[in-house]
Amino acid sequence: MKFRYSIQAMTLALGLGAASIGAVHAQASDAPASAAPTGAVRLSPADQQFVLEASKSDATEIAASKVALKNSHDPHVRAFAQQMIADHTKLSHGMASLVSKKGFTPTPSQDSALVGKLQTLKGKEFDQAYVEQVGVEAHQRAVDLFQQESQSGTDSQLKAAAAHALPTIKHHLEMAQQLAGGMKDPS
């Protein structure tokens, strides 16, 4: 269970696009209270934003990592990408199950601009962009996002998931930083 939460945390943290934030505010403010199923716990706008960012993050991470399996020849980058696909697929299913019980069903959409950019790159140029943007930068944002949710989220289950995920997100950030450092150090 701890592993599932850690994957959820990492995934949620990766997708911090402005489009998802706008969509969350639109859904949170425009949806009538009756939109939630009878007896379902309704998520606050901030918790909905957290879930939407997580869903976008999962979709982006999976798509970008699939590109990595095609465009990278570095075995370390490919192993990292394979781990991200496995983790984010599990996270996506776990998050969908958790929030559907609360009457919230986000439709995951990837960051098409980032994935499109990565599709045009090959070899070392791809590896550097993937590790820096999908590995390091996204995980740094994820740590901040999950710390915030674990401290100020209003849904106790989402807060718990964020708190349990933080150590794993930090570990994934360390893995990405090591990959990035290895690319700069040709030894």
Protein backbone atom coordinates (compact mmCIF):
# COMPACT_ATOMS: atom_id res chain seq x y z
CA MET A 1 0.00 0.00 0.00
CA LYS A 2 2.86 2.37 0.78
CA PHE A 3 4.33 1.67 -2.68
CA ARG A 4 1.02 2.57 -4.35
CA TYR A 5 0.84 5.85 -2.47
CA SER A 6 4.41 6.73 -3.38
CA ILE A 7 3.73 6.16 -7.03
CA GLN A 8 0.59 8.25 -6.76
CA ALA A 9 2.56 11.07 -5.26
CA MET A 10 5.16 11.08 -7.95
CA THR A 11 2.61 11.00 -10.67
CA LEU A 12 0.50 13.74 -9.20
CA ALA A 13 3.46 15.98 -8.91
CA LEU A 14 4.57 15.82 -12.50
CA GLY A 15 1.64 17.53 -14.24
CA LEU A 16 1.56 21.15 -13.20
CA GLY A 17 0.25 22.67 -16.42
CA ALA A 18 -1.74 25.87 -16.46
CA ALA A 19 -4.43 24.22 -18.57
CA SER A 20 -5.17 21.67 -15.89
CA ILE A 21 -5.38 24.38 -13.27
CA GLY A 22 -7.90 26.28 -15.38
CA ALA A 23 -9.91 23.12 -15.93
CA VAL A 24 -9.97 22.41 -12.22
CA HIS A 25 -11.24 25.87 -11.39
CA ALA A 26 -13.91 25.58 -14.08
CA GLN A 27 -15.06 22.19 -12.83
CA ALA A 28 -14.88 23.19 -9.19
CA SER A 29 -16.81 26.40 -9.55
CA ASP A 30 -19.21 25.54 -12.38
CA ALA A 31 -20.28 22.04 -11.36
CA PRO A 32 -23.56 21.94 -9.46
CA ALA A 33 -23.52 20.29 -6.05
CA SER A 34 -25.92 17.68 -7.40
CA ALA A 35 -23.27 16.46 -9.89
CA ALA A 36 -21.78 14.19 -7.22
CA PRO A 37 -23.48 10.84 -6.74
CA THR A 38 -25.78 10.55 -3.75
CA GLY A 39 -23.76 9.76 -0.64
CA ALA A 40 -20.40 10.55 -2.30
CA VAL A 41 -17.91 12.78 -0.58
CA ARG A 42 -17.37 15.87 -2.69
CA LEU A 43 -13.79 17.05 -3.13
CA SER A 44 -12.85 20.67 -2.51
CA PRO A 45 -11.66 22.74 -5.49
CA ALA A 46 -8.07 22.48 -4.22
CA ASP A 47 -8.31 18.70 -3.89
CA GLN A 48 -9.84 18.50 -7.36
CA GLN A 49 -6.92 20.54 -8.71
CA PHE A 50 -4.51 18.15 -7.03
CA VAL A 51 -6.24 15.16 -8.65
CA LEU A 52 -6.34 16.80 -12.09
CA GLU A 53 -2.66 17.64 -11.92
CA ALA A 54 -1.93 14.07 -10.90
CA SER A 55 -3.94 12.66 -13.79
CA LYS A 56 -2.22 14.90 -16.31
CA SER A 57 1.11 14.05 -14.77
CA ASP A 58 0.45 10.31 -15.06
CA ALA A 59 -0.58 10.57 -18.69
CA THR A 60 2.43 12.76 -19.54
CA GLU A 61 4.89 10.55 -17.69
CA ILE A 62 3.62 7.39 -19.37
CA ALA A 63 3.61 8.96 -22.84
CA ALA A 64 7.06 10.57 -22.44
CA SER A 65 8.51 7.34 -21.06
CA LYS A 66 7.16 5.35 -24.00
CA VAL A 67 8.93 7.82 -26.27
CA ALA A 68 12.09 7.24 -24.21
CA LEU A 69 11.92 3.51 -24.92
CA LYS A 70 11.97 4.33 -28.66
CA ASN A 71 14.31 7.34 -28.81
CA SER A 72 16.96 6.53 -26.20
CA HIS A 73 19.80 4.07 -26.55
CA ASP A 74 21.09 4.66 -23.01
CA PRO A 75 20.28 1.58 -20.88
CA HIS A 76 19.99 3.67 -17.70
CA VAL A 77 17.51 6.09 -19.27
CA ARG A 78 15.53 3.19 -20.72
CA ALA A 79 15.42 1.43 -17.31
CA PHE A 80 14.24 4.65 -15.65
CA ALA A 81 11.57 5.08 -18.33
CA GLN A 82 10.35 1.50 -17.91
CA GLN A 83 10.06 2.03 -14.15
CA MET A 84 8.12 5.26 -14.69
CA ILE A 85 5.66 3.49 -17.05
CA ALA A 86 5.05 0.71 -14.52
CA ASP A 87 4.74 3.06 -11.53
CA HIS A 88 2.51 5.60 -13.23
CA THR A 89 0.22 2.98 -14.70
CA LYS A 90 -0.36 1.58 -11.21
CA LEU A 91 -0.76 5.07 -9.80
CA SER A 92 -3.26 6.06 -12.44
CA HIS A 93 -5.46 3.07 -11.66
CA GLY A 94 -5.18 3.62 -7.89
CA MET A 95 -6.00 7.32 -8.10
CA ALA A 96 -8.94 6.71 -10.41
CA SER A 97 -10.34 4.17 -7.95
CA LEU A 98 -9.91 6.51 -4.96
CA VAL A 99 -11.50 9.59 -6.51
CA SER A 100 -14.31 7.79 -8.35
CA LYS A 101 -15.67 6.79 -4.94
CA LYS A 102 -15.84 10.52 -4.20
CA GLY A 103 -17.83 11.33 -7.33
CA PHE A 104 -14.90 12.84 -9.26
CA THR A 105 -13.72 11.35 -12.54
CA PRO A 106 -10.99 13.34 -14.28
CA THR A 107 -10.16 12.59 -17.91
CA PRO A 108 -6.38 12.30 -18.10
CA SER A 109 -4.71 14.26 -20.88
CA GLN A 110 -0.99 14.49 -21.43
CA ASP A 111 1.14 17.59 -21.86
CA SER A 112 1.10 17.37 -25.66
CA ALA A 113 3.67 20.12 -26.13
CA LEU A 114 6.28 18.35 -23.98
CA VAL A 115 5.63 14.91 -25.43
CA GLY A 116 5.63 16.35 -28.97
CA LYS A 117 8.95 18.06 -28.34
CA LEU A 118 10.48 14.86 -26.99
CA GLN A 119 9.28 12.89 -30.03
CA THR A 120 11.45 15.07 -32.27
CA LEU A 121 14.65 14.34 -30.33
CA LYS A 122 16.93 11.31 -30.54
CA GLY A 123 19.98 9.92 -28.75
CA LYS A 124 21.85 12.05 -26.24
CA GLU A 125 19.81 15.14 -27.04
CA PHE A 126 16.65 13.22 -26.17
CA ASP A 127 18.19 11.70 -23.04
CA GLN A 128 19.19 15.10 -21.66
CA ALA A 129 15.79 16.68 -22.34
CA TYR A 130 13.84 13.69 -20.95
CA VAL A 131 15.91 13.34 -17.78
CA GLU A 132 15.99 17.07 -17.08
CA GLN A 133 12.36 17.94 -17.89
CA VAL A 134 10.47 14.74 -17.04
CA GLY A 135 12.86 13.40 -14.42
CA VAL A 136 14.35 16.29 -12.45
CA GLU A 137 12.13 19.35 -12.99
CA ALA A 138 8.83 17.51 -12.76
CA HIS A 139 9.88 15.68 -9.59
CA GLN A 140 11.01 18.91 -7.94
CA ARG A 141 7.54 20.32 -8.60
CA ALA A 142 6.01 17.06 -7.36
CA VAL A 143 7.77 17.25 -4.02
CA ASP A 144 6.38 20.75 -3.50
CA LEU A 145 2.89 19.75 -4.65
CA PHE A 146 2.69 16.71 -2.40
CA GLN A 147 4.05 18.53 0.61
CA GLN A 148 1.36 21.15 0.13
CA GLU A 149 -1.42 18.57 -0.26
CA SER A 150 -0.21 16.55 2.72
CA GLN A 151 -0.29 19.67 4.89
CA SER A 152 -3.33 21.57 3.63
CA GLY A 153 -5.52 19.17 1.64
CA THR A 154 -9.09 18.90 2.87
CA ASP A 155 -9.72 15.24 1.99
CA SER A 156 -8.12 12.97 4.58
CA GLN A 157 -7.50 10.13 2.12
CA LEU A 158 -5.77 12.42 -0.40
CA LYS A 159 -3.72 13.99 2.41
CA ALA A 160 -2.64 10.53 3.57
CA ALA A 161 -1.79 9.44 0.03
CA ALA A 162 0.31 12.59 -0.49
CA ALA A 163 2.15 12.12 2.82
CA HIS A 164 2.88 8.46 2.07
CA ALA A 165 4.05 9.31 -1.44
CA LEU A 166 6.60 11.97 -0.48
CA PRO A 167 9.49 9.60 0.32
CA THR A 168 9.06 7.85 -3.02
CA ILE A 169 8.82 11.10 -4.95
CA LYS A 170 12.01 12.26 -3.29
CA HIS A 171 13.65 8.95 -4.21
CA HIS A 172 12.59 9.30 -7.85
CA LEU A 173 13.99 12.84 -7.85
CA GLU A 174 17.30 11.49 -6.54
CA MET A 175 17.32 8.84 -9.27
CA ALA A 176 16.72 11.48 -11.95
CA GLN A 177 19.41 13.75 -10.48
CA GLN A 178 21.88 10.86 -10.56
CA LEU A 179 21.01 10.17 -14.20
CA ALA A 180 21.44 13.86 -15.03
CA GLY A 181 24.76 13.99 -13.18
CA GLY A 182 26.01 10.92 -15.03
CA MET A 183 25.24 12.56 -18.37
CA LYS A 184 27.33 15.61 -17.47
CA ASP A 185 30.24 13.50 -16.18
CA PRO A 186 31.64 11.50 -19.11
CA SER A 187 33.70 9.17 -16.89
